[in-house]
């Protein structure tokens, strides 16, 4: 029986592309960036931030993002451009909002399940995002696990096992919801959890051994799934 519903943070509970796009446009305000260009940069940024120990890990960011920047004829992600981007990006993160469809489900979910978050990233940055999203209304800080705090990162299954111990749960008593197949779905399934893929960026399912228990592609579909879980728990 499911006892806990646990979410990824970035691009699962809010639209991470919005602050990223505004920060990139502010950094390269003298250039015309098409939607396709921004989308390609964002995909590289997501890979880099999932790999980085610190959000501003320049070497990891450059390794993933610079090849795309070079193809697009843009300056490398180092030095002044990097500093400018992070300044604008952190500022834009102060304006993020929960996906409205998810927000309306959280109170009902909380009545029936323990709610939590498992996220990769720096403690300070991820905590500020959580506060901006008002997650404290539904999720106790003790139920929020940030990779920086424990020295483990998704997709390492041990971060999910660590969460189990925190809440005294068995692996089959938790479900994880995330947008990234490689970090969220693989990590959760390896830990024995159920895993729901919020594939709103319409990524291809890799040829892998781990199949999500559910896949949804819009916030409306995810809200319907969460509401069905609430009803089923009665």
Protein backbone atom coordinates (compact mmCIF):
# COMPACT_ATOMS: atom_id res chain seq x y z
CA UNK A 1 0.00 0.00 0.00
CA UNK A 2 1.29 3.45 -0.94
CA UNK A 3 1.91 5.63 2.12
CA UNK A 4 4.09 8.42 0.66
CA UNK A 5 4.00 10.52 -2.50
CA UNK A 6 7.37 12.12 -3.18
CA UNK A 7 8.19 14.71 -5.82
CA UNK A 8 11.23 15.89 -7.70
CA UNK A 9 11.51 19.69 -7.51
CA UNK A 10 12.96 21.27 -10.65
CA UNK A 11 10.70 21.12 -13.70
CA UNK A 12 8.31 18.81 -11.87
CA UNK A 13 6.63 21.15 -9.41
CA UNK A 14 7.29 24.31 -11.44
CA UNK A 15 8.28 25.26 -14.99
CA UNK A 16 12.06 25.57 -14.82
CA UNK A 17 12.29 26.58 -18.47
CA UNK A 18 10.75 29.99 -17.72
CA UNK A 19 13.46 31.35 -15.39
CA UNK A 20 16.16 29.71 -17.53
CA UNK A 21 14.87 31.33 -20.72
CA UNK A 22 14.67 34.78 -19.13
CA UNK A 23 18.18 34.45 -17.71
CA UNK A 24 19.63 33.36 -21.06
CA UNK A 25 17.89 36.21 -22.88
CA UNK A 26 19.16 38.72 -20.31
CA UNK A 27 22.70 37.33 -20.65
CA UNK A 28 22.62 37.50 -24.47
CA UNK A 29 20.27 40.46 -24.86
CA UNK A 30 22.09 41.69 -27.96
CA UNK A 31 21.32 38.44 -29.81
CA UNK A 32 18.10 36.97 -31.22
CA UNK A 33 17.58 33.58 -29.61
CA UNK A 34 14.94 31.39 -31.21
CA UNK A 35 12.74 29.06 -29.20
CA UNK A 36 14.60 26.07 -30.65
CA UNK A 37 17.94 27.51 -29.53
CA UNK A 38 16.69 28.10 -25.99
CA UNK A 39 15.22 24.58 -25.83
CA UNK A 40 18.55 23.04 -26.90
CA UNK A 41 20.44 25.07 -24.32
CA UNK A 42 17.93 24.14 -21.65
CA UNK A 43 18.35 20.41 -22.29
CA UNK A 44 22.12 20.77 -21.90
CA UNK A 45 21.61 22.87 -18.76
CA UNK A 46 19.39 20.18 -17.24
CA UNK A 47 22.02 17.51 -17.82
CA UNK A 48 24.69 19.74 -16.28
CA UNK A 49 22.70 20.67 -13.19
CA UNK A 50 21.83 17.02 -12.56
CA UNK A 51 25.52 16.16 -12.65
CA UNK A 52 26.92 19.15 -10.75
CA UNK A 53 27.66 19.01 -7.04
CA UNK A 54 27.22 22.78 -6.76
CA UNK A 55 24.81 24.78 -8.89
CA UNK A 56 27.57 27.07 -10.12
CA UNK A 57 29.98 24.23 -10.95
CA UNK A 58 31.57 25.95 -13.94
CA UNK A 59 33.51 22.94 -15.23
CA UNK A 60 30.45 20.67 -15.33
CA UNK A 61 28.30 23.40 -16.85
CA UNK A 62 30.91 24.21 -19.49
CA UNK A 63 31.36 20.52 -20.39
CA UNK A 64 27.66 20.13 -21.16
CA UNK A 65 26.58 23.57 -22.33
CA UNK A 66 29.62 24.90 -24.22
CA UNK A 67 29.32 22.46 -27.18
CA UNK A 68 25.75 23.65 -27.74
CA UNK A 69 26.75 27.30 -27.35
CA UNK A 70 29.54 26.78 -29.88
CA UNK A 71 27.15 25.23 -32.40
CA UNK A 72 24.82 28.20 -31.97
CA UNK A 73 27.63 30.72 -32.36
CA UNK A 74 27.36 31.96 -28.77
CA UNK A 75 30.15 32.72 -26.27
CA UNK A 76 31.23 29.87 -23.93
CA UNK A 77 29.66 29.43 -20.51
CA UNK A 78 32.63 30.79 -18.59
CA UNK A 79 33.80 34.00 -16.98
CA UNK A 80 31.58 37.02 -17.31
CA UNK A 81 28.79 35.28 -19.19
CA UNK A 82 28.54 32.61 -16.50
CA UNK A 83 28.37 35.19 -13.71
CA UNK A 84 25.76 37.21 -15.58
CA UNK A 85 23.63 34.15 -16.27
CA UNK A 86 23.64 32.97 -12.63
CA UNK A 87 22.84 36.45 -11.38
CA UNK A 88 19.78 36.68 -13.62
CA UNK A 89 18.79 33.05 -13.07
CA UNK A 90 18.78 33.34 -9.27
CA UNK A 91 16.74 36.50 -9.57
CA UNK A 92 14.19 34.82 -11.82
CA UNK A 93 13.86 31.94 -9.35
CA UNK A 94 12.30 34.40 -6.89
CA UNK A 95 9.27 34.53 -9.22
CA UNK A 96 8.60 30.81 -9.75
CA UNK A 97 5.16 29.34 -9.01
CA UNK A 98 3.82 25.84 -8.56
CA UNK A 99 2.07 24.40 -11.56
CA UNK A 100 -1.52 25.40 -10.85
CA UNK A 101 -2.92 21.91 -11.54
CA UNK A 102 -0.51 20.37 -9.03
CA UNK A 103 -1.18 23.04 -6.41
CA UNK A 104 -4.88 22.20 -6.32
CA UNK A 105 -4.12 18.51 -5.62
CA UNK A 106 -1.69 18.86 -2.74
CA UNK A 107 -4.13 19.49 0.09
CA UNK A 108 -6.18 16.43 -0.81
CA UNK A 109 -3.05 14.31 -1.19
CA UNK A 110 -1.80 15.43 2.20
CA UNK A 111 -4.97 14.09 3.83
CA UNK A 112 -4.10 10.56 2.71
CA UNK A 113 -0.32 10.35 2.22
CA UNK A 114 2.92 11.59 3.62
CA UNK A 115 4.31 14.08 1.10
CA UNK A 116 7.97 14.65 0.39
CA UNK A 117 10.61 15.96 -2.00
CA UNK A 118 13.88 14.44 -3.17
CA UNK A 119 15.97 16.88 -5.21
CA UNK A 120 19.50 17.22 -6.47
CA UNK A 121 21.20 20.53 -5.77
CA UNK A 122 22.62 22.91 -3.20
CA UNK A 123 20.81 23.10 0.13
CA UNK A 124 20.52 26.89 0.13
CA UNK A 125 19.29 27.21 -3.46
CA UNK A 126 16.82 24.32 -3.33
CA UNK A 127 15.48 25.46 0.06
CA UNK A 128 14.83 28.94 -1.33
CA UNK A 129 12.96 27.46 -4.27
CA UNK A 130 10.81 25.42 -1.89
CA UNK A 131 9.98 28.53 0.12
CA UNK A 132 9.12 30.49 -3.02
CA UNK A 133 6.77 27.67 -4.04
CA UNK A 134 5.09 27.66 -0.59
CA UNK A 135 5.78 23.95 -0.23
CA UNK A 136 5.80 24.30 3.57
CA UNK A 137 1.99 24.38 3.42
CA UNK A 138 1.97 20.72 2.42
CA UNK A 139 5.44 19.27 2.98
CA UNK A 140 7.40 19.29 6.24
CA UNK A 141 11.00 20.43 5.89
CA UNK A 142 12.04 17.13 7.48
CA UNK A 143 10.43 15.36 4.51
CA UNK A 144 12.53 17.31 2.00
CA UNK A 145 15.76 15.56 1.05
CA UNK A 146 18.38 17.64 -0.80
CA UNK A 147 21.38 15.85 -2.29
CA UNK A 148 23.83 18.43 -0.92
CA UNK A 149 22.74 17.59 2.64
CA UNK A 150 23.39 13.86 2.44
CA UNK A 151 26.17 13.56 -0.12
CA UNK A 152 24.06 11.39 -2.44
CA UNK A 153 22.59 12.34 -5.81
CA UNK A 154 19.89 10.87 -8.00
CA UNK A 155 19.97 8.46 -9.77
CA UNK A 156 21.85 6.79 -6.91
CA UNK A 157 19.22 4.50 -5.38
CA UNK A 158 20.72 5.10 -1.95
CA UNK A 159 19.15 8.56 -1.73
CA UNK A 160 15.72 6.93 -2.04
CA UNK A 161 16.65 4.32 0.55
CA UNK A 162 17.82 7.14 2.82
CA UNK A 163 14.38 8.72 2.47
CA UNK A 164 12.74 5.40 3.37
CA UNK A 165 14.68 5.33 6.62
CA UNK A 166 13.75 8.94 7.37
CA UNK A 167 10.04 8.18 7.16
CA UNK A 168 10.20 4.54 8.30
CA UNK A 169 8.84 3.30 4.98
CA UNK A 170 9.26 0.15 2.96
CA UNK A 171 10.33 0.64 -0.65
CA UNK A 172 6.96 -0.53 -1.98
CA UNK A 173 5.17 2.06 0.16
CA UNK A 174 6.45 5.09 -1.79
CA UNK A 175 5.88 6.56 -5.23
CA UNK A 176 8.19 9.09 -6.86
CA UNK A 177 7.12 11.68 -9.43
CA UNK A 178 9.73 13.34 -11.62
CA UNK A 179 10.35 14.80 -15.06
CA UNK A 180 13.77 13.30 -15.79
CA UNK A 181 13.88 9.67 -16.84
CA UNK A 182 17.60 9.16 -16.26
CA UNK A 183 17.76 10.59 -12.75
CA UNK A 184 14.21 10.22 -11.45
CA UNK A 185 12.77 7.06 -12.98
CA UNK A 186 15.94 4.96 -12.94
CA UNK A 187 16.86 6.00 -9.40
CA UNK A 188 13.39 5.34 -7.98
CA UNK A 189 12.91 2.01 -9.76
CA UNK A 190 16.34 0.77 -8.70
CA UNK A 191 15.33 1.54 -5.11
CA UNK A 192 12.14 -0.52 -5.49
CA UNK A 193 9.75 2.44 -5.56
CA UNK A 194 6.89 3.03 -7.91
CA UNK A 195 7.81 5.79 -10.37
CA UNK A 196 5.54 8.17 -12.28
CA UNK A 197 7.16 9.95 -15.22
CA UNK A 198 5.94 13.52 -15.71
CA UNK A 199 7.20 13.70 -19.28
CA UNK A 200 5.92 17.18 -20.14
CA UNK A 201 9.00 17.88 -22.31
CA UNK A 202 7.98 14.91 -24.49
CA UNK A 203 11.30 13.08 -24.29
CA UNK A 204 11.77 9.69 -25.93
CA UNK A 205 11.71 6.68 -23.62
CA UNK A 206 15.31 5.39 -23.62
CA UNK A 207 15.92 1.77 -24.42
CA UNK A 208 16.38 0.86 -20.77
CA UNK A 209 15.36 -1.85 -18.35
CA UNK A 210 13.25 0.44 -16.16
CA UNK A 211 9.69 1.20 -17.24
CA UNK A 212 7.77 3.92 -15.37
CA UNK A 213 4.63 2.68 -13.62
CA UNK A 214 2.73 5.63 -15.07
CA UNK A 215 3.60 8.23 -17.72
CA UNK A 216 1.77 11.54 -18.11
CA UNK A 217 2.62 14.44 -20.42
CA UNK A 218 0.62 17.40 -19.13
CA UNK A 219 -0.07 19.00 -15.78
CA UNK A 220 -3.74 18.17 -16.27
CA UNK A 221 -2.94 14.47 -16.69
CA UNK A 222 -0.70 14.53 -13.63
CA UNK A 223 -3.42 16.25 -11.59
CA UNK A 224 -5.94 13.62 -12.68
CA UNK A 225 -3.54 10.87 -11.60
CA UNK A 226 -2.93 12.49 -8.20
CA UNK A 227 -6.64 13.04 -7.63
CA UNK A 228 -7.34 9.41 -8.52
CA UNK A 229 -4.79 8.38 -5.88
CA UNK A 230 -6.61 10.48 -3.29
CA UNK A 231 -9.95 8.90 -4.17
CA UNK A 232 -8.48 5.38 -4.18
CA UNK A 233 -7.13 5.83 -0.65
CA UNK A 234 -10.57 6.16 0.91
